[in-house]
PDB file of N, CA and C in Angstrom:
ATOM      1  N   MET A   1      93.148 -63.186 -66.262  1.00  0.00           N
ATOM      2  CA  MET A   1      93.618 -61.943 -66.855  1.00  0.00           C
ATOM      3  C   MET A   1      95.154 -61.991 -66.919  1.00  0.00           C
ATOM      4  N   PRO A   2      95.749 -61.683 -68.051  1.00  0.00           N
ATOM      5  CA  PRO A   2      97.201 -61.739 -68.162  1.00  0.00           C
ATOM      6  C   PRO A   2      97.895 -60.618 -67.385  1.00  0.00           C
ATOM      7  N   THR A   3      99.086 -60.914 -66.906  1.00  0.00           N
ATOM      8  CA  THR A   3      99.902 -59.897 -66.265  1.00  0.00           C
ATOM      9  C   THR A   3     100.489 -58.993 -67.346  1.00  0.00           C
ATOM     10  N   ALA A   4     101.119 -57.907 -66.912  1.00  0.00           N
ATOM     11  CA  ALA A   4     101.687 -56.946 -67.859  1.00  0.00           C
ATOM     12  C   ALA A   4     103.053 -56.488 -67.379  1.00  0.00           C
ATOM     13  N   LEU A   5     103.902 -56.158 -68.331  1.00  0.00           N
ATOM     14  CA  LEU A   5     105.247 -55.658 -68.034  1.00  0.00           C
ATOM     15  C   LEU A   5     105.319 -54.171 -68.334  1.00  0.00           C
ATOM     16  N   TRP A   6     105.807 -53.441 -67.381  1.00  0.00           N
ATOM     17  CA  TRP A   6     106.098 -52.001 -67.496  1.00  0.00           C
ATOM     18  C   TRP A   6     107.568 -51.953 -67.849  1.00  0.00           C
ATOM     19  N   ILE A   7     107.898 -51.429 -69.023  1.00  0.00           N
ATOM     20  CA  ILE A   7     109.272 -51.436 -69.524  1.00  0.00           C
ATOM     21  C   ILE A   7     109.712 -49.994 -69.774  1.00  0.00           C
ATOM     22  N   ALA A   8     110.791 -49.610 -69.103  1.00  0.00           N
ATOM     23  CA  ALA A   8     111.308 -48.248 -69.256  1.00  0.00           C
ATOM     24  C   ALA A   8     112.763 -48.307 -69.701  1.00  0.00           C
ATOM     25  N   HIS A   9     113.118 -47.450 -70.638  1.00  0.00           N
ATOM     26  CA  HIS A   9     114.493 -47.261 -71.096  1.00  0.00           C
ATOM     27  C   HIS A   9     114.827 -45.812 -70.785  1.00  0.00           C
ATOM     28  N   VAL A  10     115.878 -45.594 -70.009  1.00  0.00           N
ATOM     29  CA  VAL A  10     116.116 -44.266 -69.426  1.00  0.00           C
ATOM     30  C   VAL A  10     117.575 -43.833 -69.570  1.00  0.00           C
ATOM     31  N   HIS A  11     117.760 -42.562 -69.881  1.00  0.00           N
ATOM     32  CA  HIS A  11     119.059 -41.894 -69.784  1.00  0.00           C
ATOM     33  C   HIS A  11     118.900 -40.805 -68.726  1.00  0.00           C
ATOM     34  N   VAL A  12     119.563 -40.967 -67.591  1.00  0.00           N
ATOM     35  CA  VAL A  12     119.461 -40.012 -66.488  1.00  0.00           C
ATOM     36  C   VAL A  12     120.416 -38.844 -66.746  1.00  0.00           C
ATOM     37  N   THR A  13     119.875 -37.617 -66.646  1.00  0.00           N
ATOM     38  CA  THR A  13     120.685 -36.421 -66.854  1.00  0.00           C
ATOM     39  C   THR A  13     120.904 -35.639 -65.561  1.00  0.00           C
ATOM     40  N   ASP A  14     120.113 -35.935 -64.523  1.00  0.00           N
ATOM     41  CA  ASP A  14     120.251 -35.289 -63.217  1.00  0.00           C
ATOM     42  C   ASP A  14     120.001 -36.366 -62.155  1.00  0.00           C
ATOM     43  N   ALA A  15     121.095 -36.942 -61.654  1.00  0.00           N
ATOM     44  CA  ALA A  15     120.990 -38.086 -60.737  1.00  0.00           C
ATOM     45  C   ALA A  15     120.265 -37.743 -59.444  1.00  0.00           C
ATOM     46  N   GLU A  16     120.466 -36.564 -58.917  1.00  0.00           N
ATOM     47  CA  GLU A  16     119.826 -36.185 -57.647  1.00  0.00           C
ATOM     48  C   GLU A  16     118.313 -36.104 -57.801  1.00  0.00           C
ATOM     49  N   ALA A  17     117.849 -35.427 -58.823  1.00  0.00           N
ATOM     50  CA  ALA A  17     116.396 -35.323 -59.068  1.00  0.00           C
ATOM     51  C   ALA A  17     115.818 -36.690 -59.411  1.00  0.00           C
ATOM     52  N   TYR A  18     116.558 -37.476 -60.174  1.00  0.00           N
ATOM     53  CA  TYR A  18     116.050 -38.784 -60.582  1.00  0.00           C
ATOM     54  C   TYR A  18     115.925 -39.724 -59.383  1.00  0.00           C
ATOM     55  N   ALA A  19     116.808 -39.576 -58.406  1.00  0.00           N
ATOM     56  CA  ALA A  19     116.717 -40.384 -57.192  1.00  0.00           C
ATOM     57  C   ALA A  19     115.407 -40.107 -56.452  1.00  0.00           C
ATOM     58  N   LYS A  20     114.964 -38.860 -56.466  1.00  0.00           N
ATOM     59  CA  LYS A  20     113.664 -38.514 -55.841  1.00  0.00           C
ATOM     60  C   LYS A  20     112.530 -39.196 -56.610  1.00  0.00           C
ATOM     61  N   TYR A  21     112.624 -39.191 -57.939  1.00  0.00           N
ATOM     62  CA  TYR A  21     111.629 -39.879 -58.751  1.00  0.00           C
ATOM     63  C   TYR A  21     111.615 -41.368 -58.387  1.00  0.00           C
ATOM     64  N   ALA A  22     112.795 -41.990 -58.347  1.00  0.00           N
ATOM     65  CA  ALA A  22     112.877 -43.438 -58.120  1.00  0.00           C
ATOM     66  C   ALA A  22     112.247 -43.827 -56.786  1.00  0.00           C
ATOM     67  N   LYS A  23     112.459 -43.033 -55.760  1.00  0.00           N
ATOM     68  CA  LYS A  23     111.883 -43.339 -54.447  1.00  0.00           C
ATOM     69  C   LYS A  23     110.357 -43.314 -54.516  1.00  0.00           C
ATOM     70  N   GLY A  24     109.808 -42.253 -55.058  1.00  0.00           N
ATOM     71  CA  GLY A  24     108.348 -42.132 -55.147  1.00  0.00           C
ATOM     72  C   GLY A  24     107.740 -43.143 -56.100  1.00  0.00           C
ATOM     73  N   ALA A  25     108.421 -43.400 -57.206  1.00  0.00           N
ATOM     74  CA  ALA A  25     107.916 -44.367 -58.184  1.00  0.00           C
ATOM     75  C   ALA A  25     107.897 -45.770 -57.600  1.00  0.00           C
ATOM     76  N   THR A  26     108.940 -46.114 -56.848  1.00  0.00           N
ATOM     77  CA  THR A  26     109.003 -47.437 -56.216  1.00  0.00           C
ATOM     78  C   THR A  26     107.803 -47.654 -55.307  1.00  0.00           C
ATOM     79  N   GLU A  27     107.464 -46.661 -54.522  1.00  0.00           N
ATOM     80  CA  GLU A  27     106.320 -46.759 -53.622  1.00  0.00           C
ATOM     81  C   GLU A  27     105.012 -46.873 -54.389  1.00  0.00           C
ATOM     82  N   ALA A  28     104.849 -46.067 -55.432  1.00  0.00           N
ATOM     83  CA  ALA A  28     103.622 -46.100 -56.228  1.00  0.00           C
ATOM     84  C   ALA A  28     103.472 -47.438 -56.949  1.00  0.00           C
ATOM     85  N   ILE A  29     104.547 -47.943 -57.493  1.00  0.00           N
ATOM     86  CA  ILE A  29     104.511 -49.212 -58.220  1.00  0.00           C
ATOM     87  C   ILE A  29     104.123 -50.347 -57.269  1.00  0.00           C
ATOM     88  N   ALA A  30     104.737 -50.382 -56.105  1.00  0.00           N
ATOM     89  CA  ALA A  30     104.403 -51.423 -55.118  1.00  0.00           C
ATOM     90  C   ALA A  30     102.942 -51.324 -54.683  1.00  0.00           C
ATOM     91  N   ALA A  31     102.444 -50.113 -54.507  1.00  0.00           N
ATOM     92  CA  ALA A  31     101.060 -49.905 -54.077  1.00  0.00           C
ATOM     93  C   ALA A  31     100.054 -50.412 -55.101  1.00  0.00           C
ATOM     94  N   HIS A  32     100.477 -50.550 -56.346  1.00  0.00           N
ATOM     95  CA  HIS A  32      99.592 -51.037 -57.413  1.00  0.00           C
ATOM     96  C   HIS A  32      99.907 -52.477 -57.802  1.00  0.00           C
ATOM     97  N   GLY A  33     100.622 -53.175 -56.939  1.00  0.00           N
ATOM     98  CA  GLY A  33     100.902 -54.587 -57.178  1.00  0.00           C
ATOM     99  C   GLY A  33     102.080 -54.853 -58.085  1.00  0.00           C
ATOM    100  N   GLY A  34     102.867 -53.821 -58.394  1.00  0.00           N
ATOM    101  CA  GLY A  34     104.020 -53.999 -59.270  1.00  0.00           C
ATOM    102  C   GLY A  34     105.207 -54.586 -58.527  1.00  0.00           C
ATOM    103  N   VAL A  35     105.956 -55.434 -59.228  1.00  0.00           N
ATOM    104  CA  VAL A  35     107.160 -56.071 -58.689  1.00  0.00           C
ATOM    105  C   VAL A  35     108.282 -55.887 -59.714  1.00  0.00           C
ATOM    106  N   PHE A  36     109.421 -55.396 -59.259  1.00  0.00           N
ATOM    107  CA  PHE A  36     110.545 -55.180 -60.174  1.00  0.00           C
ATOM    108  C   PHE A  36     111.186 -56.501 -60.575  1.00  0.00           C
ATOM    109  N   LEU A  37     111.420 -56.668 -61.863  1.00  0.00           N
ATOM    110  CA  LEU A  37     112.132 -57.816 -62.398  1.00  0.00           C
ATOM    111  C   LEU A  37     113.558 -57.442 -62.807  1.00  0.00           C
ATOM    112  N   ALA A  38     113.722 -56.211 -63.246  1.00  0.00           N
ATOM    113  CA  ALA A  38     115.040 -55.680 -63.626  1.00  0.00           C
ATOM    114  C   ALA A  38     115.023 -54.192 -63.307  1.00  0.00           C
ATOM    115  N   ARG A  39     116.166 -53.733 -62.817  1.00  0.00           N
ATOM    116  CA  ARG A  39     116.243 -52.310 -62.444  1.00  0.00           C
ATOM    117  C   ARG A  39     117.689 -51.878 -62.564  1.00  0.00           C
ATOM    118  N   GLY A  40     118.012 -51.272 -63.705  1.00  0.00           N
ATOM    119  CA  GLY A  40     119.411 -50.970 -63.968  1.00  0.00           C
ATOM    120  C   GLY A  40     120.091 -52.249 -64.405  1.00  0.00           C
ATOM    121  N   GLY A  41     121.226 -52.525 -63.903  1.00  0.00           N
ATOM    122  CA  GLY A  41     121.897 -53.780 -64.195  1.00  0.00           C
ATOM    123  C   GLY A  41     122.506 -53.837 -65.582  1.00  0.00           C
ATOM    124  N   ARG A  42     123.194 -54.920 -65.814  1.00  0.00           N
ATOM    125  CA  ARG A  42     123.882 -55.120 -67.095  1.00  0.00           C
ATOM    126  C   ARG A  42     122.871 -55.407 -68.196  1.00  0.00           C
ATOM    127  N   TYR A  43     123.243 -55.016 -69.402  1.00  0.00           N
ATOM    128  CA  TYR A  43     122.420 -55.305 -70.578  1.00  0.00           C
ATOM    129  C   TYR A  43     123.306 -55.293 -71.800  1.00  0.00           C
ATOM    130  N   VAL A  44     122.803 -55.866 -72.860  1.00  0.00           N
ATOM    131  CA  VAL A  44     123.475 -55.848 -74.153  1.00  0.00           C
ATOM    132  C   VAL A  44     122.480 -55.292 -75.170  1.00  0.00           C
ATOM    133  N   GLN A  45     122.825 -54.199 -75.813  1.00  0.00           N
ATOM    134  CA  GLN A  45     121.966 -53.596 -76.825  1.00  0.00           C
ATOM    135  C   GLN A  45     122.262 -54.280 -78.154  1.00  0.00           C
ATOM    136  N   LEU A  46     121.322 -55.033 -78.667  1.00  0.00           N
ATOM    137  CA  LEU A  46     121.536 -55.767 -79.917  1.00  0.00           C
ATOM    138  C   LEU A  46     121.013 -55.024 -81.137  1.00  0.00           C
ATOM    139  N   GLU A  47     119.982 -54.229 -80.962  1.00  0.00           N
ATOM    140  CA  GLU A  47     119.435 -53.443 -82.076  1.00  0.00           C
ATOM    141  C   GLU A  47     118.886 -52.138 -81.525  1.00  0.00           C
ATOM    142  N   GLY A  48     118.738 -51.159 -82.406  1.00  0.00           N
ATOM    143  CA  GLY A  48     118.101 -49.901 -82.023  1.00  0.00           C
ATOM    144  C   GLY A  48     118.977 -49.050 -81.126  1.00  0.00           C
ATOM    145  N   ASN A  49     118.330 -48.074 -80.499  1.00  0.00           N
ATOM    146  CA  ASN A  49     119.023 -47.113 -79.652  1.00  0.00           C
ATOM    147  C   ASN A  49     118.911 -47.532 -78.201  1.00  0.00           C
ATOM    148  N   GLY A  50     120.042 -47.688 -77.552  1.00  0.00           N
ATOM    149  CA  GLY A  50     120.063 -48.091 -76.157  1.00  0.00           C
ATOM    150  C   GLY A  50     120.056 -46.904 -75.221  1.00  0.00           C
ATOM    151  N   ARG A  51     119.639 -47.145 -74.004  1.00  0.00           N
ATOM    152  CA  ARG A  51     119.729 -46.179 -72.927  1.00  0.00           C
ATOM    153  C   ARG A  51     120.385 -46.901 -71.765  1.00  0.00           C
ATOM    154  N   PRO A  52     121.188 -46.203 -70.955  1.00  0.00           N
ATOM    155  CA  PRO A  52     121.972 -46.896 -69.930  1.00  0.00           C
ATOM    156  C   PRO A  52     121.174 -47.505 -68.781  1.00  0.00           C
ATOM    157  N   ARG A  53     119.936 -47.099 -68.582  1.00  0.00           N
ATOM    158  CA  ARG A  53     119.136 -47.646 -67.470  1.00  0.00           C
ATOM    159  C   ARG A  53     117.880 -48.281 -68.052  1.00  0.00           C
ATOM    160  N   ASN A  54     117.662 -49.536 -67.700  1.00  0.00           N
ATOM    161  CA  ASN A  54     116.494 -50.275 -68.181  1.00  0.00           C
ATOM    162  C   ASN A  54     115.780 -50.864 -66.979  1.00  0.00           C
ATOM    163  N   VAL A  55     114.460 -50.691 -66.942  1.00  0.00           N
ATOM    164  CA  VAL A  55     113.662 -51.123 -65.797  1.00  0.00           C
ATOM    165  C   VAL A  55     112.474 -51.932 -66.317  1.00  0.00           C
ATOM    166  N   VAL A  56     112.228 -53.077 -65.670  1.00  0.00           N
ATOM    167  CA  VAL A  56     111.068 -53.901 -65.995  1.00  0.00           C
ATOM    168  C   VAL A  56     110.356 -54.235 -64.689  1.00  0.00           C
ATOM    169  N   ALA A  57     109.048 -53.979 -64.654  1.00  0.00           N
ATOM    170  CA  ALA A  57     108.226 -54.345 -63.502  1.00  0.00           C
ATOM    171  C   ALA A  57     107.019 -55.125 -64.003  1.00  0.00           C
ATOM    172  N   ARG A  58     106.613 -56.109 -63.230  1.00  0.00           N
ATOM    173  CA  ARG A  58     105.420 -56.896 -63.576  1.00  0.00           C
ATOM    174  C   ARG A  58     104.258 -56.402 -62.730  1.00  0.00           C
ATOM    175  N   PHE A  59     103.115 -56.221 -63.390  1.00  0.00           N
ATOM    176  CA  PHE A  59     101.877 -55.817 -62.717  1.00  0.00           C
ATOM    177  C   PHE A  59     100.831 -56.919 -62.897  1.00  0.00           C
ATOM    178  N   PRO A  60      99.833 -56.956 -62.024  1.00  0.00           N
ATOM    179  CA  PRO A  60      98.793 -57.975 -62.125  1.00  0.00           C
ATOM    180  C   PRO A  60      98.015 -57.908 -63.457  1.00  0.00           C
ATOM    181  N   SER A  61      97.962 -56.726 -64.072  1.00  0.00           N
ATOM    182  CA  SER A  61      97.249 -56.570 -65.334  1.00  0.00           C
ATOM    183  C   SER A  61      97.720 -55.287 -66.019  1.00  0.00           C
ATOM    184  N   LEU A  62      97.425 -55.174 -67.290  1.00  0.00           N
ATOM    185  CA  LEU A  62      97.727 -53.959 -68.040  1.00  0.00           C
ATOM    186  C   LEU A  62      97.004 -52.783 -67.412  1.00  0.00           C
ATOM    187  N   GLU A  63      95.766 -53.019 -66.997  1.00  0.00           N
ATOM    188  CA  GLU A  63      94.964 -51.949 -66.400  1.00  0.00           C
ATOM    189  C   GLU A  63      95.591 -51.433 -65.106  1.00  0.00           C
ATOM    190  N   LYS A  64      96.126 -52.342 -64.272  1.00  0.00           N
ATOM    191  CA  LYS A  64      96.778 -51.932 -63.022  1.00  0.00           C
ATOM    192  C   LYS A  64      98.028 -51.107 -63.311  1.00  0.00           C
ATOM    193  N   ALA A  65      98.783 -51.478 -64.341  1.00  0.00           N
ATOM    194  CA  ALA A  65      99.977 -50.725 -64.692  1.00  0.00           C
ATOM    195  C   ALA A  65      99.624 -49.313 -65.144  1.00  0.00           C
ATOM    196  N   VAL A  66      98.591 -49.183 -65.952  1.00  0.00           N
ATOM    197  CA  VAL A  66      98.155 -47.869 -66.427  1.00  0.00           C
ATOM    198  C   VAL A  66      97.563 -47.064 -65.264  1.00  0.00           C
ATOM    199  N   GLU A  67      96.827 -47.742 -64.384  1.00  0.00           N
ATOM    200  CA  GLU A  67      96.279 -47.088 -63.196  1.00  0.00           C
ATOM    201  C   GLU A  67      97.410 -46.524 -62.337  1.00  0.00           C
ATOM    202  N   CYS A  68      98.479 -47.285 -62.194  1.00  0.00           N
ATOM    203  CA  CYS A  68      99.639 -46.822 -61.442  1.00  0.00           C
ATOM    204  C   CYS A  68     100.211 -45.564 -62.077  1.00  0.00           C
ATOM    205  N   TYR A  69     100.436 -45.603 -63.387  1.00  0.00           N
ATOM    206  CA  TYR A  69     101.012 -44.457 -64.085  1.00  0.00           C
ATOM    207  C   TYR A  69     100.179 -43.195 -63.870  1.00  0.00           C
ATOM    208  N   ASN A  70      98.868 -43.349 -63.912  1.00  0.00           N
ATOM    209  CA  ASN A  70      97.970 -42.200 -63.777  1.00  0.00           C
ATOM    210  C   ASN A  70      97.679 -41.809 -62.343  1.00  0.00           C
ATOM    211  N   SER A  71      98.173 -42.570 -61.380  1.00  0.00           N
ATOM    212  CA  SER A  71      97.881 -42.295 -59.964  1.00  0.00           C
ATOM    213  C   SER A  71      98.552 -40.997 -59.515  1.00  0.00           C
ATOM    214  N   PRO A  72      97.938 -40.316 -58.547  1.00  0.00           N
ATOM    215  CA  PRO A  72      98.554 -39.100 -58.012  1.00  0.00           C
ATOM    216  C   PRO A  72      99.965 -39.343 -57.462  1.00  0.00           C
ATOM    217  N   ALA A  73     100.185 -40.477 -56.813  1.00  0.00           N
ATOM    218  CA  ALA A  73     101.506 -40.770 -56.238  1.00  0.00           C
ATOM    219  C   ALA A  73     102.562 -40.899 -57.330  1.00  0.00           C
ATOM    220  N   TYR A  74     102.249 -41.619 -58.417  1.00  0.00           N
ATOM    221  CA  TYR A  74     103.235 -41.775 -59.486  1.00  0.00           C
ATOM    222  C   TYR A  74     103.444 -40.457 -60.214  1.00  0.00           C
ATOM    223  N   GLN A  75     102.390 -39.719 -60.458  1.00  0.00           N
ATOM    224  CA  GLN A  75     102.536 -38.447 -61.154  1.00  0.00           C
ATOM    225  C   GLN A  75     103.375 -37.454 -60.351  1.00  0.00           C
ATOM    226  N   ALA A  76     103.244 -37.496 -59.022  1.00  0.00           N
ATOM    227  CA  ALA A  76     104.076 -36.643 -58.168  1.00  0.00           C
ATOM    228  C   ALA A  76     105.550 -37.051 -58.299  1.00  0.00           C
ATOM    229  N   ALA A  77     105.810 -38.347 -58.330  1.00  0.00           N
ATOM    230  CA  ALA A  77     107.177 -38.820 -58.513  1.00  0.00           C
ATOM    231  C   ALA A  77     107.705 -38.445 -59.889  1.00  0.00           C
ATOM    232  N   LEU A  78     106.860 -38.606 -60.885  1.00  0.00           N
ATOM    233  CA  LEU A  78     107.253 -38.333 -62.276  1.00  0.00           C
ATOM    234  C   LEU A  78     107.678 -36.888 -62.481  1.00  0.00           C
ATOM    235  N   ALA A  79     107.137 -35.989 -61.694  1.00  0.00           N
ATOM    236  CA  ALA A  79     107.533 -34.583 -61.807  1.00  0.00           C
ATOM    237  C   ALA A  79     109.042 -34.424 -61.586  1.00  0.00           C
ATOM    238  N   HIS A  80     109.648 -35.288 -60.771  1.00  0.00           N
ATOM    239  CA  HIS A  80     111.098 -35.223 -60.535  1.00  0.00           C
ATOM    240  C   HIS A  80     111.889 -35.762 -61.731  1.00  0.00           C
ATOM    241  N   ALA A  81     111.301 -36.688 -62.484  1.00  0.00           N
ATOM    242  CA  ALA A  81     112.008 -37.282 -63.620  1.00  0.00           C
ATOM    243  C   ALA A  81     112.007 -36.368 -64.836  1.00  0.00           C
ATOM    244  N   LYS A  82     110.981 -35.557 -64.951  1.00  0.00           N
ATOM    245  CA  LYS A  82     110.905 -34.641 -66.107  1.00  0.00           C
ATOM    246  C   LYS A  82     112.018 -33.605 -65.982  1.00  0.00           C
ATOM    247  N   GLY A  83     112.805 -33.482 -67.004  1.00  0.00           N
ATOM    248  CA  GLY A  83     113.955 -32.599 -66.973  1.00  0.00           C
ATOM    249  C   GLY A  83     115.188 -33.237 -66.365  1.00  0.00           C
ATOM    250  N   ALA A  84     115.032 -34.419 -65.763  1.00  0.00           N
ATOM    251  CA  ALA A  84     116.146 -35.115 -65.144  1.00  0.00           C
ATOM    252  C   ALA A  84     116.492 -36.405 -65.898  1.00  0.00           C
ATOM    253  N   SER A  85     115.737 -36.651 -66.988  1.00  0.00           N
ATOM    254  CA  SER A  85     115.962 -37.894 -67.737  1.00  0.00           C
ATOM    255  C   SER A  85     115.314 -37.799 -69.111  1.00  0.00           C
ATOM    256  N   VAL A  86     115.780 -38.671 -69.976  1.00  0.00           N
ATOM    257  CA  VAL A  86     115.144 -38.905 -71.275  1.00  0.00           C
ATOM    258  C   VAL A  86     114.663 -40.337 -71.195  1.00  0.00           C
ATOM    259  N   ARG A  87     113.356 -40.563 -71.415  1.00  0.00           N
ATOM    260  CA  ARG A  87     112.776 -41.873 -71.139  1.00  0.00           C
ATOM    261  C   ARG A  87     111.825 -42.320 -72.226  1.00  0.00           C
ATOM    262  N   ASP A  88     111.745 -43.623 -72.371  1.00  0.00           N
ATOM    263  CA  ASP A  88     110.674 -44.270 -73.113  1.00  0.00           C
ATOM    264  C   ASP A  88     110.034 -45.217 -72.128  1.00  0.00           C
ATOM    265  N   LEU A  89     108.705 -45.260 -72.102  1.00  0.00           N
ATOM    266  CA  LEU A  89     108.000 -46.138 -71.179  1.00  0.00           C
ATOM    267  C   LEU A  89     106.829 -46.767 -71.911  1.00  0.00           C
ATOM    268  N   MET A  90     106.676 -48.069 -71.741  1.00  0.00           N
ATOM    269  CA  MET A  90     105.546 -48.768 -72.358  1.00  0.00           C
ATOM    270  C   MET A  90     105.070 -49.833 -71.395  1.00  0.00           C
ATOM    271  N   VAL A  91     103.849 -50.266 -71.597  1.00  0.00           N
ATOM    272  CA  VAL A  91     103.298 -51.409 -70.866  1.00  0.00           C
ATOM    273  C   VAL A  91     102.885 -52.442 -71.894  1.00  0.00           C
ATOM    274  N   VAL A  92     103.354 -53.682 -71.685  1.00  0.00           N
ATOM    275  CA  VAL A  92     103.086 -54.754 -72.620  1.00  0.00           C
ATOM    276  C   VAL A  92     102.407 -55.917 -71.884  1.00  0.00           C
ATOM    277  N   GLU A  93     101.281 -56.355 -72.408  1.00  0.00           N
ATOM    278  CA  GLU A  93     100.582 -57.480 -71.796  1.00  0.00           C
ATOM    279  C   GLU A  93     101.344 -58.765 -72.094  1.00  0.00           C
ATOM    280  N   GLU A  94     101.484 -59.610 -71.061  1.00  0.00           N
ATOM    281  CA  GLU A  94     102.186 -60.870 -71.227  1.00  0.00           C
ATOM    282  C   GLU A  94     101.258 -61.919 -71.828  1.00  0.00           C
ATOM    283  N   ILE A  95     101.860 -62.953 -72.392  1.00  0.00           N
ATOM    284  CA  ILE A  95     101.109 -64.077 -72.933  1.00  0.00           C
ATOM    285  C   ILE A  95     100.655 -64.951 -71.778  1.00  0.00           C
ATOM    286  N   GLU A  96      99.419 -65.387 -71.853  1.00  0.00           N
ATOM    287  CA  GLU A  96      98.904 -66.256 -70.795  1.00  0.00           C
ATOM    288  C   GLU A  96      99.400 -67.669 -70.974  1.00  0.00           C
TER     289      GLU A  96
END
């Protein structure tokens, strides 16, 4: 089964609330087998609309990534991000 990448592009509007999201999300992602590959850091926007924070996590499968997103722990964390950020989030299956 191919692994999957959870890719988020984020503009944080409330750093304090977003920090609460990040703590809870980190725990939920780890609990579902997710491992961060990029979290913030430098980037170069070559096309489209950029956001200052970019996060990539690898999960054992697309299903595990979606399971994480829908989990009670992640949804509780996500409540802190709503209103504290503008985000795009997708899960992409990797090539085997």
